[in-house]
Amino acid sequence: MGSAQIYRIKEVEFVFMKVQSIEFSHGPVSIYAHSFESERVTMHVKEFLNTYREFRDVTHELSAGIGRVTICSTNPSPFSFTLPDTIGTLHLHFSNGRDTIDQDVMISTLRSPKRIAAMEKLLTTLRLLIQTAKPEHISA
């Protein structure tokens, strides 16, 4: 792969941002899964997961991969998730193509200063992504 191809790939990764809201309906009840993906989300998902010793081999700084955050809610709008106290559980996903980590995180149970700081960075990134990307709505 030449340097022009590598540059093009990096350029595409940089502009990749995705906010997706999937609605699951059953009669009068609807549940929404708001999914967030971007290069920055990946970076902060890796940083948070790296605070767990058992994930460090997969999430070190130089490992390539894709990260995603999913928030399940009864609220149809991803824009309501601007404050940490409005979010219950986050589902963090990271895959490097060979290994995959799926971790549910309850923000209210975080006690480690490193984990709290990493989560604050991730939530800030989600806020910025919500402000800059138009959500894609899908009915399931």
N, C-alpha and C. Protein backbone atom coordinates (compact mmCIF):
# COMPACT_ATOMS: atom_id res chain seq x y z
N MET A 1 0.83 -1.17 0.00
CA MET A 1 0.00 0.00 0.00
C MET A 1 0.89 1.24 0.00
N GLY A 2 0.69 2.15 -0.93
CA GLY A 2 1.51 3.35 -1.01
C GLY A 2 1.08 4.39 -0.01
N SER A 3 1.89 5.45 0.13
CA SER A 3 1.57 6.48 1.11
C SER A 3 0.30 7.23 0.76
N ALA A 4 -0.03 7.39 -0.52
CA ALA A 4 -1.27 8.07 -0.91
C ALA A 4 -2.48 7.27 -0.44
N GLN A 5 -2.41 5.95 -0.54
CA GLN A 5 -3.52 5.11 -0.09
C GLN A 5 -3.68 5.18 1.43
N ILE A 6 -2.58 5.17 2.14
CA ILE A 6 -2.63 5.26 3.59
C ILE A 6 -3.24 6.60 4.00
N TYR A 7 -2.83 7.68 3.34
CA TYR A 7 -3.36 9.00 3.65
C TYR A 7 -4.87 9.03 3.41
N ARG A 8 -5.32 8.45 2.31
CA ARG A 8 -6.73 8.44 1.99
C ARG A 8 -7.52 7.67 3.06
N ILE A 9 -6.99 6.57 3.52
CA ILE A 9 -7.66 5.80 4.56
C ILE A 9 -7.75 6.60 5.85
N LYS A 10 -6.67 7.26 6.24
CA LYS A 10 -6.69 8.07 7.45
C LYS A 10 -7.68 9.22 7.31
N GLU A 11 -7.77 9.81 6.14
CA GLU A 11 -8.70 10.91 5.91
C GLU A 11 -10.14 10.43 6.09
N VAL A 12 -10.46 9.27 5.57
CA VAL A 12 -11.80 8.71 5.70
C VAL A 12 -12.10 8.41 7.16
N GLU A 13 -11.16 7.83 7.87
CA GLU A 13 -11.37 7.52 9.28
C GLU A 13 -11.62 8.79 10.08
N PHE A 14 -10.95 9.88 9.73
CA PHE A 14 -11.07 11.12 10.48
C PHE A 14 -12.47 11.72 10.36
N VAL A 15 -13.06 11.62 9.18
CA VAL A 15 -14.37 12.24 8.99
C VAL A 15 -15.52 11.28 9.32
N PHE A 16 -15.24 10.04 9.66
CA PHE A 16 -16.27 9.05 9.96
C PHE A 16 -16.92 9.37 11.30
N MET A 17 -18.18 9.73 11.26
CA MET A 17 -18.96 9.95 12.48
C MET A 17 -20.34 9.37 12.23
N LYS A 18 -20.85 8.67 13.22
CA LYS A 18 -22.15 8.04 13.02
C LYS A 18 -22.93 8.06 14.33
N VAL A 19 -24.15 8.59 14.25
CA VAL A 19 -25.09 8.53 15.36
C VAL A 19 -26.32 7.83 14.80
N GLN A 20 -26.69 6.73 15.43
CA GLN A 20 -27.79 5.93 14.92
C GLN A 20 -28.77 5.66 16.06
N SER A 21 -30.05 5.87 15.79
CA SER A 21 -31.09 5.55 16.77
C SER A 21 -31.98 4.47 16.18
N ILE A 22 -32.06 3.35 16.88
CA ILE A 22 -32.86 2.22 16.42
C ILE A 22 -34.06 2.08 17.36
N GLU A 23 -35.25 2.05 16.79
CA GLU A 23 -36.47 1.94 17.59
C GLU A 23 -36.98 0.50 17.54
N PHE A 24 -37.21 -0.06 18.72
CA PHE A 24 -37.81 -1.38 18.85
C PHE A 24 -39.20 -1.16 19.45
N SER A 25 -40.25 -1.46 18.70
CA SER A 25 -41.62 -1.21 19.15
C SER A 25 -42.38 -2.50 19.34
N HIS A 26 -43.18 -2.51 20.39
CA HIS A 26 -44.12 -3.61 20.61
C HIS A 26 -45.37 -2.98 21.20
N GLY A 27 -46.38 -2.80 20.37
CA GLY A 27 -47.60 -2.12 20.81
C GLY A 27 -47.29 -0.69 21.21
N PRO A 28 -47.73 -0.29 22.41
CA PRO A 28 -47.51 1.09 22.83
C PRO A 28 -46.12 1.35 23.43
N VAL A 29 -45.31 0.32 23.54
CA VAL A 29 -44.00 0.46 24.17
C VAL A 29 -42.90 0.53 23.10
N SER A 30 -42.04 1.53 23.22
CA SER A 30 -40.89 1.65 22.32
C SER A 30 -39.62 1.78 23.14
N ILE A 31 -38.60 1.07 22.72
CA ILE A 31 -37.27 1.16 23.32
C ILE A 31 -36.33 1.61 22.21
N TYR A 32 -35.39 2.49 22.56
CA TYR A 32 -34.47 3.03 21.57
C TYR A 32 -33.04 2.67 21.96
N ALA A 33 -32.27 2.30 20.97
CA ALA A 33 -30.84 2.07 21.15
C ALA A 33 -30.13 3.16 20.36
N HIS A 34 -29.45 4.05 21.07
CA HIS A 34 -28.71 5.14 20.44
C HIS A 34 -27.24 4.72 20.37
N SER A 35 -26.73 4.62 19.16
CA SER A 35 -25.38 4.12 18.94
C SER A 35 -24.49 5.24 18.40
N PHE A 36 -23.28 5.35 18.94
CA PHE A 36 -22.34 6.41 18.57
C PHE A 36 -21.02 5.79 18.13
N GLU A 37 -20.55 6.19 16.94
CA GLU A 37 -19.27 5.71 16.43
C GLU A 37 -18.51 6.87 15.81
N SER A 38 -17.23 6.94 16.08
CA SER A 38 -16.33 7.88 15.43
C SER A 38 -14.91 7.51 15.84
N GLU A 39 -13.96 8.17 15.22
CA GLU A 39 -12.56 7.93 15.59
C GLU A 39 -12.32 8.32 17.04
N ARG A 40 -12.90 9.45 17.46
CA ARG A 40 -12.72 9.89 18.85
C ARG A 40 -13.43 8.98 19.83
N VAL A 41 -14.61 8.50 19.47
CA VAL A 41 -15.32 7.56 20.34
C VAL A 41 -14.44 6.32 20.54
N THR A 42 -13.86 5.83 19.44
CA THR A 42 -12.97 4.67 19.53
C THR A 42 -11.82 4.95 20.50
N MET A 43 -11.21 6.12 20.36
CA MET A 43 -10.07 6.47 21.21
C MET A 43 -10.46 6.46 22.69
N HIS A 44 -11.62 7.05 23.01
CA HIS A 44 -12.03 7.14 24.41
C HIS A 44 -12.63 5.84 24.95
N VAL A 45 -13.23 5.03 24.10
CA VAL A 45 -13.67 3.69 24.53
C VAL A 45 -12.43 2.87 24.91
N LYS A 46 -11.41 2.92 24.06
CA LYS A 46 -10.16 2.20 24.37
C LYS A 46 -9.55 2.71 25.67
N GLU A 47 -9.54 4.04 25.84
CA GLU A 47 -8.96 4.62 27.06
C GLU A 47 -9.71 4.15 28.30
N PHE A 48 -11.04 4.13 28.24
CA PHE A 48 -11.82 3.68 29.39
C PHE A 48 -11.60 2.19 29.64
N LEU A 49 -11.70 1.37 28.61
CA LEU A 49 -11.52 -0.08 28.78
C LEU A 49 -10.12 -0.41 29.28
N ASN A 50 -9.14 0.42 28.94
CA ASN A 50 -7.76 0.21 29.36
C ASN A 50 -7.60 0.38 30.88
N THR A 51 -8.60 0.97 31.55
CA THR A 51 -8.53 1.09 33.01
C THR A 51 -8.82 -0.26 33.69
N TYR A 52 -9.26 -1.24 32.92
CA TYR A 52 -9.47 -2.60 33.42
C TYR A 52 -8.26 -3.45 33.00
N ARG A 53 -7.60 -4.03 33.97
CA ARG A 53 -6.38 -4.80 33.72
C ARG A 53 -6.60 -5.90 32.67
N GLU A 54 -7.75 -6.58 32.73
CA GLU A 54 -7.99 -7.71 31.83
C GLU A 54 -8.14 -7.32 30.37
N PHE A 55 -8.34 -6.02 30.08
CA PHE A 55 -8.51 -5.59 28.69
C PHE A 55 -7.26 -4.93 28.10
N ARG A 56 -6.23 -4.71 28.89
CA ARG A 56 -5.08 -3.92 28.45
C ARG A 56 -4.34 -4.49 27.25
N ASP A 57 -4.30 -5.81 27.10
CA ASP A 57 -3.61 -6.39 25.94
C ASP A 57 -4.32 -6.05 24.64
N VAL A 58 -5.62 -5.84 24.69
CA VAL A 58 -6.41 -5.56 23.49
C VAL A 58 -6.53 -4.06 23.24
N THR A 59 -6.53 -3.25 24.30
CA THR A 59 -6.85 -1.82 24.15
C THR A 59 -5.66 -0.88 24.30
N HIS A 60 -4.45 -1.37 24.17
CA HIS A 60 -3.30 -0.47 24.31
C HIS A 60 -3.33 0.60 23.21
N GLU A 61 -2.56 1.68 23.40
CA GLU A 61 -2.60 2.85 22.52
C GLU A 61 -2.40 2.53 21.04
N LEU A 62 -1.56 1.59 20.73
CA LEU A 62 -1.22 1.32 19.33
C LEU A 62 -2.15 0.31 18.66
N SER A 63 -3.11 -0.23 19.40
CA SER A 63 -3.99 -1.23 18.79
C SER A 63 -5.03 -0.54 17.90
N ALA A 64 -5.14 -1.06 16.69
CA ALA A 64 -6.15 -0.54 15.76
C ALA A 64 -7.48 -1.21 16.08
N GLY A 65 -8.55 -0.58 15.69
CA GLY A 65 -9.86 -1.18 15.91
C GLY A 65 -10.94 -0.13 15.82
N ILE A 66 -12.15 -0.54 16.15
CA ILE A 66 -13.29 0.37 16.12
C ILE A 66 -14.04 0.24 17.44
N GLY A 67 -14.44 1.38 17.99
CA GLY A 67 -15.19 1.41 19.23
C GLY A 67 -16.57 1.99 18.99
N ARG A 68 -17.50 1.56 19.83
CA ARG A 68 -18.87 2.05 19.71
C ARG A 68 -19.48 2.14 21.10
N VAL A 69 -20.35 3.13 21.30
CA VAL A 69 -21.09 3.27 22.54
C VAL A 69 -22.57 3.17 22.21
N THR A 70 -23.31 2.37 22.97
CA THR A 70 -24.76 2.27 22.77
C THR A 70 -25.44 2.57 24.10
N ILE A 71 -26.47 3.42 24.01
CA ILE A 71 -27.28 3.79 25.17
C ILE A 71 -28.70 3.34 24.88
N CYS A 72 -29.28 2.52 25.75
CA CYS A 72 -30.67 2.10 25.58
C CYS A 72 -31.56 2.99 26.44
N SER A 73 -32.71 3.38 25.87
CA SER A 73 -33.58 4.32 26.56
C SER A 73 -35.00 4.21 26.04
N THR A 74 -35.93 4.80 26.79
CA THR A 74 -37.30 4.95 26.29
C THR A 74 -37.46 6.30 25.61
N ASN A 75 -36.41 7.11 25.60
CA ASN A 75 -36.44 8.43 24.97
C ASN A 75 -36.01 8.30 23.51
N PRO A 76 -36.81 8.79 22.56
CA PRO A 76 -36.46 8.64 21.14
C PRO A 76 -35.32 9.54 20.68
N SER A 77 -34.91 10.49 21.50
CA SER A 77 -33.89 11.44 21.06
C SER A 77 -32.53 11.16 21.68
N PRO A 78 -31.48 11.05 20.86
CA PRO A 78 -30.13 10.90 21.43
C PRO A 78 -29.65 12.21 22.05
N PHE A 79 -30.33 13.32 21.75
CA PHE A 79 -29.91 14.63 22.24
C PHE A 79 -30.20 14.82 23.72
N SER A 80 -30.96 13.93 24.33
CA SER A 80 -31.26 14.04 25.76
C SER A 80 -30.11 13.55 26.63
N PHE A 81 -29.08 12.98 26.03
CA PHE A 81 -27.98 12.39 26.80
C PHE A 81 -26.81 13.35 26.93
N THR A 82 -27.09 14.57 27.41
CA THR A 82 -26.02 15.55 27.52
C THR A 82 -25.45 15.62 28.93
N LEU A 83 -26.14 15.07 29.90
CA LEU A 83 -25.67 15.10 31.27
C LEU A 83 -25.49 13.68 31.79
N PRO A 84 -24.40 13.43 32.53
CA PRO A 84 -24.16 12.07 33.02
C PRO A 84 -25.29 11.51 33.88
N ASP A 85 -26.04 12.38 34.58
CA ASP A 85 -27.09 11.85 35.46
C ASP A 85 -28.33 11.40 34.69
N THR A 86 -28.38 11.65 33.38
CA THR A 86 -29.52 11.17 32.58
C THR A 86 -29.21 9.85 31.89
N ILE A 87 -28.01 9.34 32.08
CA ILE A 87 -27.60 8.09 31.44
C ILE A 87 -27.47 7.02 32.52
N GLY A 88 -28.09 5.90 32.31
CA GLY A 88 -27.96 4.80 33.26
C GLY A 88 -26.78 3.91 32.92
N THR A 89 -26.95 3.09 31.91
CA THR A 89 -25.93 2.13 31.52
C THR A 89 -25.48 2.38 30.10
N LEU A 90 -24.19 2.34 29.90
CA LEU A 90 -23.60 2.43 28.56
C LEU A 90 -23.11 1.05 28.18
N HIS A 91 -23.30 0.69 26.93
CA HIS A 91 -22.72 -0.55 26.42
C HIS A 91 -21.54 -0.14 25.55
N LEU A 92 -20.33 -0.52 25.97
CA LEU A 92 -19.12 -0.20 25.22
C LEU A 92 -18.69 -1.41 24.42
N HIS A 93 -18.35 -1.17 23.17
CA HIS A 93 -17.91 -2.24 22.27
C HIS A 93 -16.60 -1.81 21.65
N PHE A 94 -15.62 -2.72 21.65
CA PHE A 94 -14.36 -2.48 20.94
C PHE A 94 -13.94 -3.78 20.28
N SER A 95 -13.54 -3.67 19.03
CA SER A 95 -13.05 -4.84 18.30
C SER A 95 -11.83 -4.45 17.48
N ASN A 96 -10.81 -5.29 17.53
CA ASN A 96 -9.63 -5.06 16.70
C ASN A 96 -9.58 -6.04 15.54
N GLY A 97 -10.68 -6.73 15.28
CA GLY A 97 -10.74 -7.70 14.20
C GLY A 97 -10.48 -9.12 14.65
N ARG A 98 -9.74 -9.27 15.72
CA ARG A 98 -9.44 -10.59 16.26
C ARG A 98 -10.11 -10.78 17.62
N ASP A 99 -9.99 -9.77 18.47
CA ASP A 99 -10.59 -9.81 19.80
C ASP A 99 -11.70 -8.77 19.88
N THR A 100 -12.74 -9.10 20.63
CA THR A 100 -13.87 -8.20 20.81
C THR A 100 -14.17 -8.07 22.30
N ILE A 101 -14.43 -6.83 22.73
CA ILE A 101 -14.82 -6.57 24.11
C ILE A 101 -16.20 -5.93 24.08
N ASP A 102 -17.12 -6.46 24.84
CA ASP A 102 -18.44 -5.87 25.06
C ASP A 102 -18.59 -5.71 26.57
N GLN A 103 -18.72 -4.46 27.01
CA GLN A 103 -18.73 -4.17 28.44
C GLN A 103 -19.88 -3.22 28.77
N ASP A 104 -20.75 -3.62 29.69
CA ASP A 104 -21.79 -2.72 30.19
C ASP A 104 -21.21 -1.93 31.36
N VAL A 105 -21.47 -0.62 31.36
CA VAL A 105 -20.92 0.24 32.40
C VAL A 105 -22.05 1.08 33.00
N MET A 106 -22.23 0.96 34.30
CA MET A 106 -23.17 1.83 35.02
C MET A 106 -22.36 3.00 35.56
N ILE A 107 -22.63 4.17 35.04
CA ILE A 107 -21.84 5.35 35.41
C ILE A 107 -21.90 5.60 36.92
N SER A 108 -23.05 5.41 37.53
CA SER A 108 -23.21 5.70 38.95
C SER A 108 -22.36 4.81 39.86
N THR A 109 -21.88 3.68 39.35
CA THR A 109 -21.08 2.77 40.18
C THR A 109 -19.58 2.99 40.04
N LEU A 110 -19.17 3.90 39.17
CA LEU A 110 -17.73 4.13 38.97
C LEU A 110 -17.15 4.80 40.21
N ARG A 111 -16.05 4.26 40.73
CA ARG A 111 -15.39 4.82 41.91
C ARG A 111 -13.94 5.20 41.64
N SER A 112 -13.29 4.52 40.76
CA SER A 112 -11.88 4.77 40.46
C SER A 112 -11.72 6.13 39.78
N PRO A 113 -10.83 6.99 40.29
CA PRO A 113 -10.61 8.30 39.66
C PRO A 113 -10.20 8.19 38.18
N LYS A 114 -9.42 7.15 37.84
CA LYS A 114 -9.02 6.97 36.44
C LYS A 114 -10.22 6.62 35.57
N ARG A 115 -11.09 5.77 36.07
CA ARG A 115 -12.28 5.40 35.30
C ARG A 115 -13.25 6.57 35.17
N ILE A 116 -13.41 7.34 36.24
CA ILE A 116 -14.29 8.50 36.19
C ILE A 116 -13.77 9.51 35.18
N ALA A 117 -12.46 9.78 35.20
CA ALA A 117 -11.87 10.74 34.25
C ALA A 117 -12.02 10.24 32.82
N ALA A 118 -11.78 8.96 32.59
CA ALA A 118 -11.92 8.39 31.24
C ALA A 118 -13.38 8.45 30.78
N MET A 119 -14.32 8.21 31.69
CA MET A 119 -15.75 8.28 31.34
C MET A 119 -16.15 9.71 31.03
N GLU A 120 -15.64 10.68 31.77
CA GLU A 120 -15.95 12.08 31.50
C GLU A 120 -15.48 12.48 30.10
N LYS A 121 -14.31 12.01 29.70
CA LYS A 121 -13.81 12.29 28.34
C LYS A 121 -14.72 11.65 27.29
N LEU A 122 -15.15 10.42 27.56
CA LEU A 122 -16.03 9.73 26.62
C LEU A 122 -17.37 10.45 26.50
N LEU A 123 -17.94 10.88 27.62
CA LEU A 123 -19.22 11.59 27.59
C LEU A 123 -19.10 12.93 26.87
N THR A 124 -17.98 13.63 27.06
CA THR A 124 -17.74 14.89 26.35
C THR A 124 -17.69 14.63 24.85
N THR A 125 -17.03 13.57 24.44
CA THR A 125 -16.97 13.20 23.03
C THR A 125 -18.35 12.89 22.48
N LEU A 126 -19.18 12.19 23.26
CA LEU A 126 -20.55 11.89 22.82
C LEU A 126 -21.34 13.18 22.64
N ARG A 127 -21.19 14.13 23.57
CA ARG A 127 -21.89 15.41 23.45
C ARG A 127 -21.49 16.13 22.16
N LEU A 128 -20.20 16.16 21.87
CA LEU A 128 -19.72 16.82 20.65
C LEU A 128 -20.22 16.11 19.41
N LEU A 129 -20.23 14.80 19.43
CA LEU A 129 -20.71 14.02 18.29
C LEU A 129 -22.20 14.27 18.05
N ILE A 130 -22.97 14.34 19.11
CA ILE A 130 -24.40 14.62 18.99
C ILE A 130 -24.62 15.98 18.35
N GLN A 131 -23.79 16.96 18.70
CA GLN A 131 -23.94 18.31 18.16
C GLN A 131 -23.54 18.41 16.70
N THR A 132 -22.64 17.55 16.24
CA THR A 132 -22.10 17.70 14.88
C THR A 132 -22.62 16.69 13.87
N ALA A 133 -23.22 15.60 14.31
CA ALA A 133 -23.67 14.57 13.38
C ALA A 133 -25.19 14.46 13.40
N LYS A 134 -25.78 14.29 12.25
CA LYS A 134 -27.23 14.11 12.15
C LYS A 134 -27.54 12.64 12.42
N PRO A 135 -28.43 12.36 13.40
CA PRO A 135 -28.73 10.96 13.71
C PRO A 135 -29.52 10.28 12.60
N GLU A 136 -29.22 9.02 12.40
CA GLU A 136 -29.95 8.17 11.45
C GLU A 136 -30.95 7.36 12.27
N HIS A 137 -32.23 7.45 11.92
CA HIS A 137 -33.28 6.74 12.66
C HIS A 137 -33.69 5.49 11.90
N ILE A 138 -33.75 4.36 12.62
CA ILE A 138 -34.10 3.07 12.02
C ILE A 138 -35.18 2.43 12.87
N SER A 139 -36.23 1.93 12.25
CA SER A 139 -37.26 1.16 12.98
C SER A 139 -36.98 -0.32 12.81
N ALA A 140 -37.00 -1.04 13.92
CA ALA A 140 -36.73 -2.48 13.85
C ALA A 140 -37.96 -3.27 14.18
